[in-house]
Protein backbone atom coordinates (compact mmCIF):
# COMPACT_ATOMS: atom_id res chain seq x y z
CA MET A 1 0.00 0.00 0.00
CA LEU A 2 2.83 2.40 0.88
CA LEU A 3 4.55 1.65 -2.42
CA PHE A 4 1.28 2.32 -4.28
CA LYS A 5 0.86 5.66 -2.53
CA ARG A 6 4.40 6.71 -3.40
CA ALA A 7 3.93 5.74 -7.04
CA ALA A 8 0.64 7.64 -7.17
CA LEU A 9 2.30 10.72 -5.71
CA CYS A 10 5.09 10.56 -8.28
CA VAL A 11 2.60 10.30 -11.15
CA ALA A 12 0.55 13.18 -9.77
CA LEU A 13 3.60 15.41 -9.49
CA THR A 14 4.70 14.57 -13.01
CA LEU A 15 1.27 15.26 -14.52
CA SER A 16 1.08 18.53 -12.61
CA ALA A 17 4.35 19.72 -14.10
CA MET A 18 3.42 18.63 -17.61
CA ALA A 19 -0.01 20.27 -17.43
CA SER A 20 1.37 23.76 -16.83
CA PRO A 21 0.98 25.88 -20.00
CA VAL A 22 4.38 27.46 -19.44
CA LEU A 23 6.14 24.12 -18.98
CA ALA A 24 4.25 21.91 -21.40
CA GLY A 25 7.21 21.77 -23.79
CA ALA A 26 9.95 21.93 -21.17
CA TYR A 27 9.38 18.82 -19.04
CA ASP A 28 12.12 16.80 -20.75
CA ASP A 29 14.44 19.79 -20.54
CA SER A 30 14.02 19.92 -16.77
CA ILE A 31 14.82 16.23 -16.36
CA ASN A 32 17.89 16.48 -18.57
CA ALA A 33 19.02 19.69 -16.86
CA ALA A 34 18.93 18.02 -13.44
CA ARG A 35 20.87 15.01 -14.70
CA MET A 36 23.46 17.06 -16.56
CA GLY A 37 23.82 19.81 -13.97
CA ASP A 38 22.59 22.47 -16.39
CA THR A 39 21.76 25.05 -13.73
CA SER A 40 21.12 27.79 -16.28
CA THR A 41 18.26 25.89 -17.91
CA LEU A 42 17.01 24.57 -14.59
CA SER A 43 17.02 28.02 -13.01
CA SER A 44 15.11 29.47 -15.96
CA LEU A 45 12.46 26.76 -15.76
CA LEU A 46 12.08 27.19 -12.02
CA ARG A 47 11.53 30.92 -12.48
CA GLN A 48 8.82 30.12 -15.04
CA GLY A 49 6.97 27.99 -12.54
CA LEU A 50 8.52 24.53 -12.70
CA GLU A 51 7.82 22.60 -9.50
CA ALA A 52 11.07 21.87 -7.67
CA ASP A 53 9.72 18.40 -6.85
CA THR A 54 8.93 17.44 -10.46
CA VAL A 55 9.61 13.74 -11.06
CA ASP A 56 10.60 11.71 -14.10
CA ALA A 57 8.69 8.73 -15.49
CA GLY A 58 10.39 6.46 -12.96
CA GLY A 59 9.28 8.54 -9.99
CA ASN A 60 12.69 10.14 -9.39
CA SER A 61 12.55 13.78 -8.37
CA LEU A 62 14.84 16.39 -9.90
CA LEU A 63 16.77 16.43 -6.63
CA MET A 64 17.24 12.66 -6.78
CA LEU A 65 18.50 12.87 -10.36
CA ALA A 66 20.96 15.64 -9.58
CA ALA A 67 22.17 13.87 -6.43
CA ARG A 68 22.60 10.55 -8.24
CA GLU A 69 24.65 12.15 -11.01
CA GLY A 70 26.85 14.14 -8.63
CA GLN A 71 25.58 17.55 -9.74
CA LEU A 72 26.29 19.62 -6.63
CA GLU A 73 25.32 23.01 -8.09
CA ALA A 74 22.01 21.62 -9.32
CA VAL A 75 21.39 20.10 -5.89
CA ASP A 76 22.04 23.48 -4.28
CA LEU A 77 19.71 25.23 -6.71
CA LEU A 78 16.90 22.75 -6.14
CA LEU A 79 17.28 22.94 -2.36
CA ARG A 80 17.09 26.73 -2.50
CA SER A 81 13.98 26.37 -4.64
CA GLY A 82 12.23 24.25 -2.04
CA ALA A 83 12.89 20.69 -3.25
CA ARG A 84 12.02 18.23 -0.50
CA THR A 85 14.72 15.89 0.76
CA SER A 86 12.13 13.55 2.24
CA LEU A 87 10.72 12.34 -1.09
CA ARG A 88 11.40 8.73 -2.05
CA ASN A 89 10.86 7.03 -5.39
CA PRO A 90 8.75 3.87 -5.86
CA ALA A 91 11.77 1.72 -4.94
CA GLY A 92 12.09 3.60 -1.64
CA ASP A 93 15.21 5.57 -2.56
CA SER A 94 15.72 9.20 -1.55
CA ALA A 95 18.11 11.79 -2.94
CA LEU A 96 20.40 11.13 0.02
CA MET A 97 20.38 7.39 -0.58
CA MET A 98 21.29 7.88 -4.23
CA ALA A 99 24.15 10.21 -3.35
CA VAL A 100 25.42 7.70 -0.78
CA LEU A 101 25.19 4.84 -3.24
CA LYS A 102 27.27 6.74 -5.79
CA GLY A 103 29.78 7.99 -3.24
CA HIS A 104 29.10 11.70 -3.76
CA ALA A 105 30.29 12.86 -0.33
CA PRO A 106 29.88 16.64 -0.88
CA ILE A 107 26.26 16.10 -1.92
CA VAL A 108 25.66 13.78 1.03
CA GLU A 109 26.96 16.51 3.32
CA ARG A 110 24.78 19.15 1.65
CA LEU A 111 21.64 17.02 1.89
CA LEU A 112 22.30 16.22 5.53
CA ALA A 113 22.69 19.93 6.24
CA ALA A 114 19.30 20.44 4.57
CA GLY A 115 17.69 17.94 6.94
CA ALA A 116 17.52 14.83 4.75
CA PRO A 117 16.03 11.91 6.74
CA LEU A 118 18.53 9.33 7.98
CA ASN A 119 16.36 6.77 9.71
CA HIS A 120 13.17 5.46 8.15
CA ASP A 121 11.43 2.27 7.08
CA GLY A 122 13.02 0.00 4.50
CA TRP A 123 16.62 0.45 3.37
CA THR A 124 18.51 3.36 4.88
CA PRO A 125 21.42 5.56 3.76
CA LEU A 126 23.77 3.81 6.21
CA MET A 127 22.87 0.41 4.77
CA TYR A 128 23.72 1.71 1.30
CA ALA A 129 27.05 3.08 2.53
CA ALA A 130 27.88 -0.24 4.18
CA PHE A 131 26.82 -2.26 1.15
CA GLU A 132 29.04 -0.20 -1.17
CA GLY A 133 31.98 0.19 1.22
CA GLN A 134 31.68 3.97 1.54
CA THR A 135 33.61 4.30 4.81
CA ASP A 136 33.89 8.09 5.03
CA ILE A 137 30.24 8.54 4.14
CA ALA A 138 29.22 5.89 6.67
CA ARG A 139 31.17 7.79 9.33
CA MET A 140 29.44 11.02 8.33
CA LEU A 141 26.02 9.39 8.58
CA ILE A 142 26.74 7.90 11.99
CA GLU A 143 27.98 11.24 13.30
CA ARG A 144 24.70 12.79 12.13
CA GLY A 145 22.64 10.23 14.01
CA ALA A 146 22.17 7.20 11.76
CA GLN A 147 20.88 4.20 13.69
CA ILE A 148 23.62 1.61 13.42
CA ASP A 149 21.59 -1.52 14.11
CA GLN A 150 18.44 -0.63 12.20
CA LYS A 151 17.19 -3.61 10.20
CA ALA A 152 16.34 -3.82 6.51
CA PRO A 153 13.23 -5.64 5.24
CA ASN A 154 15.26 -8.88 5.27
CA GLN A 155 16.32 -8.11 8.86
CA ALA A 156 19.93 -7.48 7.82
CA THR A 157 21.93 -4.65 9.37
CA ALA A 158 24.58 -2.35 7.97
CA LEU A 159 27.23 -4.53 9.64
CA MET A 160 25.91 -7.61 7.86
CA PHE A 161 26.00 -5.88 4.47
CA ALA A 162 29.56 -4.66 4.99
CA ALA A 163 30.69 -8.10 6.18
CA ARG A 164 28.98 -9.88 3.29
CA ASN A 165 30.59 -7.64 0.69
CA GLY A 166 34.09 -7.63 2.14
CA HIS A 167 34.30 -4.02 3.31
CA ILE A 168 36.53 -4.46 6.34
CA ASP A 169 37.04 -0.74 7.00
CA VAL A 170 33.29 -0.23 7.25
CA VAL A 171 33.01 -3.30 9.48
CA ARG A 172 35.71 -1.91 11.75
CA LEU A 173 33.98 1.48 11.88
CA LEU A 174 30.61 -0.05 12.75
CA LEU A 175 32.10 -2.24 15.46
CA ASP A 176 33.91 0.78 16.89
CA ARG A 177 30.57 2.59 17.06
CA GLY A 178 28.86 -0.27 18.86
CA ALA A 179 27.22 -2.34 16.12
CA ASP A 180 25.70 -5.55 17.49
CA ALA A 181 27.44 -8.50 15.80
CA THR A 182 25.13 -11.03 17.45
CA LEU A 183 22.03 -10.01 15.49
CA VAL A 184 20.68 -12.35 12.80
CA ASN A 185 18.82 -11.71 9.55
CA ASP A 186 15.75 -13.55 8.28
CA GLN A 187 17.96 -16.41 7.07
CA ASN A 188 19.39 -16.81 10.59
CA ARG A 189 22.80 -15.46 9.55
CA THR A 190 25.05 -13.19 11.60
CA ALA A 191 27.49 -10.72 10.13
CA ARG A 192 30.31 -13.19 10.81
CA SER A 193 28.59 -16.17 9.20
CA TRP A 194 27.69 -14.08 6.15
CA ALA A 195 31.31 -12.99 5.86
CA LEU A 196 32.47 -16.62 6.01
CA GLU A 197 29.95 -17.71 3.37
CA ASN A 198 31.38 -15.13 0.99
CA GLY A 199 35.03 -15.91 1.66
CA ASN A 200 35.74 -12.82 3.74
CA THR A 201 37.74 -14.64 6.40
CA ASP A 202 39.60 -11.50 7.48
CA ILE A 203 36.31 -9.90 8.44
CA ALA A 204 35.08 -13.05 10.15
CA GLU A 205 38.29 -13.15 12.20
CA LEU A 206 37.98 -9.46 13.07
CA ILE A 207 34.43 -9.93 14.33
CA ALA A 208 35.44 -13.02 16.32
CA ARG A 209 38.24 -11.08 18.01
CA ARG A 210 36.11 -8.06 18.76
CA VAL A 211 32.88 -9.87 19.68
CA PRO A 212 33.70 -13.37 21.00
CA GLU A 213 30.07 -13.93 21.97
CA ALA A 214 28.83 -13.52 18.38
CA ARG A 215 27.06 -16.80 17.81
CA GLU A 216 27.08 -18.85 14.63
CA PRO A 217 23.53 -20.11 14.06
CA ALA A 218 22.76 -22.84 11.57
CA PRO A 219 20.97 -21.71 8.38
CA ALA A 220 17.19 -21.67 8.64
CA ALA A 221 15.40 -24.73 7.29
CA GLY A 222 14.96 -24.54 3.55
CA ALA A 223 17.02 -21.37 3.32
CA GLU A 224 20.39 -22.78 2.32
CA GLY A 225 21.80 -21.04 -0.72
CA GLU A 226 19.25 -18.24 -0.73
CA ARG A 227 20.41 -14.68 -1.08
CA ARG A 228 18.70 -11.41 -0.33
CA THR A 229 20.61 -8.62 -2.07
CA LEU A 230 20.20 -4.88 -1.78
CA ARG A 231 17.76 -3.64 -4.42
CA VAL A 232 18.34 -0.15 -5.78
CA LEU A 233 16.80 1.71 -8.66
CA ILE A 234 19.52 2.96 -11.00
CA GLU A 235 18.76 4.00 -14.50
C-alpha cells in the first residue's frame, strides 16, 4: 500500500508539471538539466513555474536525479527552490540514498545539512554506505545520528552488508561505534557467518576477536543457498 501511494504521488507530481501551459514543452528539458547539472536551464524553468519536486517517469525527483549524477550546483539550486529531501521514489530511494550509493560525499553533506532523513522504514542511507563500502560517508552518517543496528526488510543490518561484501574498513567502523554483531537476519545469519559464506575470512576473524560472543547459528530450514541482495533503482 505504501509503495502504491508513493507511485501515485510521483505520477501526480509529473502530470502537474506537464499540465502547466508554461512548462508543457519543457518537461524533458528539466529532467535532462537536473541530470546534466545544467543550472542555467534549470534556473530558468524554475523561475517560469517549474515545481522543484517534479519527477521523471520512474518517480525520481529532480533532486534525486541531480544527487545521483553528482551535480552539486544543481542540488544546491533545487534545495534553494524548495525541493524536499524527504521524497522517495517507488523503490524507496531518496536523494540522500542515491548520493550515498554513488559515493558523492559533498552532496551527502549538503543534503544532511538540509535535513535529509537518515532513519526510516526500508533500506537506509547507512545500509547503502555499508553495502558499497563507503567508509567516510558511513562515518558522516553515523555522526549525524544514523541508527547503526536498524534492520532492513530482510532483517539485515549495515554490519551484515559490509561483512557480506568484504568491506573491512566499514566493518571496523561499525564495530567501533557499537554495532551488534550477534544479530541475525531472516535467514538466521550473523554478520560473521555471512562474511564466512562469501570468503571474507579476514572480516570473520575481526568480528570473532572483537565480539567473542557472536554466535554462529545454523541456516534456517529450507534457506540454504538463498540470497537477499540490496535492491536499488539505477537508470
